[in-house]
């Protein structure tokens, strides 16, 4: 599981508020990008780096993310962009 610095420092600055995640079964890569504040090419790169991030691929290799993956992407974004972890640091267990 991913670790966070906010577990150690609850007063850590937070990211700007992201929109709430709608109650849908699947999200396209564009929707996830908007919900998480990350561009689609970054999401595709993170899929290679984080084994836990495996969206379903359907016709034409289109990616469909589930709710738990959107939450995971937000956690990864917080670790990398807000808390200053490297990708290898974010992968390490707590």
N, C-alpha and C. Protein backbone atom coordinates (compact mmCIF):
# COMPACT_ATOMS: atom_id res chain seq x y z
N UNK A 1 0.85 -1.19 0.00
CA UNK A 1 0.00 0.00 0.00
C UNK A 1 0.89 1.24 0.00
N UNK A 2 0.39 2.30 -0.55
CA UNK A 2 1.15 3.54 -0.62
C UNK A 2 1.19 4.21 0.74
N UNK A 3 2.27 4.89 1.01
CA UNK A 3 2.39 5.60 2.27
C UNK A 3 2.26 7.09 2.01
N UNK A 4 1.98 7.84 3.06
CA UNK A 4 1.85 9.28 2.90
C UNK A 4 2.59 9.99 4.02
N UNK A 5 3.11 11.16 3.69
CA UNK A 5 3.76 11.98 4.70
C UNK A 5 2.74 12.60 5.64
N UNK A 6 1.49 12.76 5.19
CA UNK A 6 0.48 13.36 6.05
C UNK A 6 0.17 12.47 7.24
N UNK A 7 0.49 11.19 7.14
CA UNK A 7 0.33 10.32 8.30
C UNK A 7 1.30 10.77 9.40
N UNK A 8 2.45 11.27 8.99
CA UNK A 8 3.43 11.74 9.96
C UNK A 8 3.19 13.20 10.34
N UNK A 9 2.73 14.01 9.39
CA UNK A 9 2.52 15.43 9.61
C UNK A 9 1.10 15.81 9.19
N UNK A 10 0.13 15.74 10.10
CA UNK A 10 -1.25 16.03 9.73
C UNK A 10 -1.48 17.47 9.29
N UNK A 11 -0.52 18.36 9.54
CA UNK A 11 -0.69 19.76 9.16
C UNK A 11 -0.14 20.04 7.77
N UNK A 12 0.24 19.00 7.04
CA UNK A 12 0.81 19.19 5.70
C UNK A 12 -0.19 19.90 4.80
N UNK A 13 0.34 20.75 3.91
CA UNK A 13 -0.53 21.48 2.99
C UNK A 13 -1.28 20.50 2.11
N UNK A 14 -2.49 20.89 1.75
CA UNK A 14 -3.28 20.02 0.90
C UNK A 14 -3.39 20.61 -0.50
N UNK A 15 -3.67 19.76 -1.45
CA UNK A 15 -3.85 20.18 -2.83
C UNK A 15 -5.13 20.98 -2.96
N UNK A 16 -5.25 21.76 -4.02
CA UNK A 16 -6.52 22.43 -4.27
C UNK A 16 -7.63 21.39 -4.35
N UNK A 17 -8.81 21.76 -3.97
CA UNK A 17 -9.92 20.81 -3.96
C UNK A 17 -10.19 20.26 -5.34
N UNK A 18 -10.31 18.97 -5.41
CA UNK A 18 -10.64 18.29 -6.66
C UNK A 18 -12.14 18.04 -6.67
N UNK A 19 -12.73 17.93 -7.84
CA UNK A 19 -14.18 17.68 -7.89
C UNK A 19 -14.51 16.33 -7.28
N UNK A 20 -15.70 16.19 -6.73
CA UNK A 20 -16.09 14.89 -6.18
C UNK A 20 -16.15 13.83 -7.28
N UNK A 21 -15.91 12.61 -6.89
CA UNK A 21 -15.94 11.50 -7.86
C UNK A 21 -17.39 11.07 -8.02
N UNK A 22 -17.93 11.16 -9.25
CA UNK A 22 -19.32 10.75 -9.47
C UNK A 22 -19.51 9.25 -9.21
N UNK A 23 -20.74 8.89 -8.96
CA UNK A 23 -21.08 7.48 -8.74
C UNK A 23 -21.33 6.81 -10.08
N UNK A 24 -20.22 6.39 -10.70
CA UNK A 24 -20.28 5.68 -11.98
C UNK A 24 -19.45 4.41 -11.84
N UNK A 25 -19.72 3.46 -12.69
CA UNK A 25 -18.95 2.22 -12.65
C UNK A 25 -17.59 2.38 -13.33
N UNK A 26 -17.56 3.07 -14.47
CA UNK A 26 -16.32 3.23 -15.22
C UNK A 26 -16.11 4.69 -15.62
N UNK A 27 -14.83 5.06 -15.74
CA UNK A 27 -14.43 6.40 -16.14
C UNK A 27 -13.43 6.29 -17.28
N UNK A 28 -13.53 7.17 -18.26
CA UNK A 28 -12.55 7.20 -19.35
C UNK A 28 -11.29 7.90 -18.85
N UNK A 29 -10.23 7.78 -19.61
CA UNK A 29 -8.97 8.40 -19.20
C UNK A 29 -9.11 9.92 -19.16
N UNK A 30 -9.90 10.49 -20.04
CA UNK A 30 -10.13 11.93 -20.02
C UNK A 30 -10.87 12.38 -18.78
N UNK A 31 -11.89 11.60 -18.38
CA UNK A 31 -12.64 11.92 -17.17
C UNK A 31 -11.75 11.83 -15.94
N UNK A 32 -10.93 10.79 -15.88
CA UNK A 32 -10.02 10.61 -14.75
C UNK A 32 -9.02 11.76 -14.69
N UNK A 33 -8.52 12.15 -15.84
CA UNK A 33 -7.60 13.28 -15.88
C UNK A 33 -8.22 14.53 -15.28
N UNK A 34 -9.47 14.82 -15.62
CA UNK A 34 -10.16 15.99 -15.08
C UNK A 34 -10.44 15.84 -13.59
N UNK A 35 -10.84 14.63 -13.17
CA UNK A 35 -11.16 14.40 -11.75
C UNK A 35 -9.93 14.47 -10.86
N UNK A 36 -8.77 14.14 -11.43
CA UNK A 36 -7.55 14.05 -10.62
C UNK A 36 -6.54 15.15 -10.91
N UNK A 37 -6.80 15.98 -11.90
CA UNK A 37 -5.87 17.05 -12.22
C UNK A 37 -4.57 16.54 -12.81
N UNK A 38 -4.65 15.49 -13.61
CA UNK A 38 -3.47 14.87 -14.22
C UNK A 38 -3.77 14.64 -15.70
N UNK A 39 -2.79 14.87 -16.55
CA UNK A 39 -2.98 14.69 -17.99
C UNK A 39 -2.96 13.20 -18.35
N UNK A 40 -3.67 12.83 -19.42
CA UNK A 40 -3.74 11.41 -19.81
C UNK A 40 -2.39 10.74 -20.02
N UNK A 41 -1.40 11.45 -20.59
CA UNK A 41 -0.10 10.79 -20.81
C UNK A 41 0.57 10.46 -19.48
N UNK A 42 0.31 11.25 -18.45
CA UNK A 42 0.85 10.95 -17.12
C UNK A 42 0.17 9.71 -16.55
N UNK A 43 -1.13 9.60 -16.73
CA UNK A 43 -1.84 8.41 -16.26
C UNK A 43 -1.31 7.15 -16.93
N UNK A 44 -1.06 7.23 -18.22
CA UNK A 44 -0.52 6.05 -18.93
C UNK A 44 0.87 5.69 -18.40
N UNK A 45 1.66 6.70 -18.09
CA UNK A 45 2.99 6.44 -17.52
C UNK A 45 2.87 5.80 -16.14
N UNK A 46 1.98 6.32 -15.30
CA UNK A 46 1.81 5.76 -13.96
C UNK A 46 1.35 4.31 -14.02
N UNK A 47 0.60 3.93 -15.04
CA UNK A 47 0.19 2.53 -15.19
C UNK A 47 1.41 1.62 -15.30
N UNK A 48 2.46 2.11 -15.93
CA UNK A 48 3.69 1.32 -16.07
C UNK A 48 4.45 1.25 -14.75
N UNK A 49 4.34 2.28 -13.94
CA UNK A 49 5.13 2.38 -12.71
C UNK A 49 4.45 1.76 -11.49
N UNK A 50 3.14 1.82 -11.42
CA UNK A 50 2.41 1.33 -10.25
C UNK A 50 1.58 0.11 -10.64
N UNK A 51 1.98 -1.04 -10.10
CA UNK A 51 1.30 -2.30 -10.43
C UNK A 51 -0.17 -2.31 -10.02
N UNK A 52 -0.52 -1.55 -8.98
CA UNK A 52 -1.89 -1.52 -8.49
C UNK A 52 -2.83 -0.82 -9.47
N UNK A 53 -2.29 -0.06 -10.38
CA UNK A 53 -3.09 0.73 -11.31
C UNK A 53 -3.22 -0.03 -12.63
N UNK A 54 -4.32 -0.73 -12.79
CA UNK A 54 -4.56 -1.54 -13.98
C UNK A 54 -5.99 -1.33 -14.48
N UNK A 55 -6.23 -0.28 -15.27
CA UNK A 55 -7.57 -0.09 -15.80
C UNK A 55 -7.92 -1.18 -16.80
N UNK A 56 -9.22 -1.42 -16.94
CA UNK A 56 -9.66 -2.39 -17.94
C UNK A 56 -9.48 -1.77 -19.31
N UNK A 57 -9.09 -2.61 -20.26
CA UNK A 57 -8.95 -2.14 -21.64
C UNK A 57 -9.99 -2.87 -22.48
N UNK A 58 -10.68 -2.08 -23.28
CA UNK A 58 -11.71 -2.65 -24.15
C UNK A 58 -11.41 -2.29 -25.59
N UNK A 59 -12.43 -2.27 -26.41
CA UNK A 59 -12.26 -2.01 -27.84
C UNK A 59 -11.25 -0.92 -28.12
N UNK A 60 -10.34 -1.19 -29.03
CA UNK A 60 -9.36 -0.20 -29.43
C UNK A 60 -8.41 0.18 -28.32
N UNK A 61 -8.22 -0.68 -27.33
CA UNK A 61 -7.35 -0.42 -26.18
C UNK A 61 -7.77 0.82 -25.38
N UNK A 62 -9.06 1.12 -25.39
CA UNK A 62 -9.56 2.23 -24.56
C UNK A 62 -9.53 1.81 -23.10
N UNK A 63 -9.07 2.73 -22.26
CA UNK A 63 -8.94 2.45 -20.84
C UNK A 63 -10.20 2.86 -20.10
N UNK A 64 -10.63 2.00 -19.19
CA UNK A 64 -11.77 2.30 -18.34
C UNK A 64 -11.36 2.06 -16.89
N UNK A 65 -11.38 3.13 -16.12
CA UNK A 65 -10.97 3.09 -14.71
C UNK A 65 -12.19 2.92 -13.83
N UNK A 66 -12.01 2.20 -12.72
CA UNK A 66 -13.07 2.05 -11.74
C UNK A 66 -12.83 3.04 -10.60
N UNK A 67 -13.83 3.18 -9.75
CA UNK A 67 -13.80 4.16 -8.66
C UNK A 67 -12.54 4.00 -7.81
N UNK A 68 -12.19 2.78 -7.43
CA UNK A 68 -11.03 2.57 -6.55
C UNK A 68 -9.73 3.01 -7.24
N UNK A 69 -9.67 2.92 -8.55
CA UNK A 69 -8.47 3.36 -9.27
C UNK A 69 -8.38 4.88 -9.32
N UNK A 70 -9.52 5.55 -9.40
CA UNK A 70 -9.53 7.02 -9.36
C UNK A 70 -9.03 7.49 -7.99
N UNK A 71 -9.47 6.83 -6.93
CA UNK A 71 -9.01 7.17 -5.58
C UNK A 71 -7.50 6.93 -5.48
N UNK A 72 -7.02 5.82 -6.02
CA UNK A 72 -5.59 5.51 -6.01
C UNK A 72 -4.79 6.57 -6.77
N UNK A 73 -5.30 7.00 -7.91
CA UNK A 73 -4.61 8.03 -8.70
C UNK A 73 -4.52 9.33 -7.90
N UNK A 74 -5.57 9.67 -7.19
CA UNK A 74 -5.52 10.87 -6.35
C UNK A 74 -4.47 10.73 -5.25
N UNK A 75 -4.34 9.54 -4.68
CA UNK A 75 -3.32 9.31 -3.66
C UNK A 75 -1.92 9.44 -4.26
N UNK A 76 -1.72 8.86 -5.42
CA UNK A 76 -0.42 8.96 -6.10
C UNK A 76 -0.10 10.41 -6.39
N UNK A 77 -1.08 11.15 -6.90
CA UNK A 77 -0.89 12.57 -7.21
C UNK A 77 -0.47 13.35 -5.96
N UNK A 78 -1.13 13.07 -4.84
CA UNK A 78 -0.79 13.75 -3.59
C UNK A 78 0.65 13.44 -3.18
N UNK A 79 1.02 12.17 -3.26
CA UNK A 79 2.38 11.79 -2.87
C UNK A 79 3.43 12.46 -3.74
N UNK A 80 3.22 12.45 -5.04
CA UNK A 80 4.22 12.97 -5.96
C UNK A 80 4.24 14.49 -6.04
N UNK A 81 3.07 15.10 -6.17
CA UNK A 81 3.02 16.54 -6.43
C UNK A 81 2.98 17.38 -5.17
N UNK A 82 2.33 16.91 -4.14
CA UNK A 82 2.17 17.71 -2.93
C UNK A 82 3.24 17.38 -1.89
N UNK A 83 3.49 16.09 -1.70
CA UNK A 83 4.36 15.69 -0.61
C UNK A 83 5.81 15.47 -1.04
N UNK A 84 6.07 15.56 -2.32
CA UNK A 84 7.44 15.53 -2.80
C UNK A 84 8.11 14.17 -2.88
N UNK A 85 7.32 13.10 -2.87
CA UNK A 85 7.90 11.77 -3.01
C UNK A 85 8.37 11.58 -4.45
N UNK A 86 9.39 10.74 -4.62
CA UNK A 86 9.74 10.27 -5.95
C UNK A 86 8.83 9.09 -6.26
N UNK A 87 8.83 8.64 -7.49
CA UNK A 87 8.00 7.49 -7.83
C UNK A 87 8.44 6.26 -7.04
N UNK A 88 9.75 6.04 -6.94
CA UNK A 88 10.21 4.88 -6.18
C UNK A 88 9.88 5.03 -4.70
N UNK A 89 9.90 6.23 -4.18
CA UNK A 89 9.53 6.46 -2.79
C UNK A 89 8.05 6.23 -2.55
N UNK A 90 7.22 6.60 -3.52
CA UNK A 90 5.78 6.40 -3.37
C UNK A 90 5.40 4.94 -3.45
N UNK A 91 6.23 4.13 -4.13
CA UNK A 91 5.93 2.70 -4.26
C UNK A 91 6.22 1.93 -2.98
N UNK A 92 7.12 2.43 -2.14
CA UNK A 92 7.54 1.69 -0.96
C UNK A 92 6.40 1.56 0.04
N UNK A 93 6.32 0.39 0.70
CA UNK A 93 5.28 0.21 1.74
C UNK A 93 5.59 1.09 2.95
N UNK A 94 4.56 1.43 3.71
CA UNK A 94 4.77 2.30 4.89
C UNK A 94 5.65 1.67 5.95
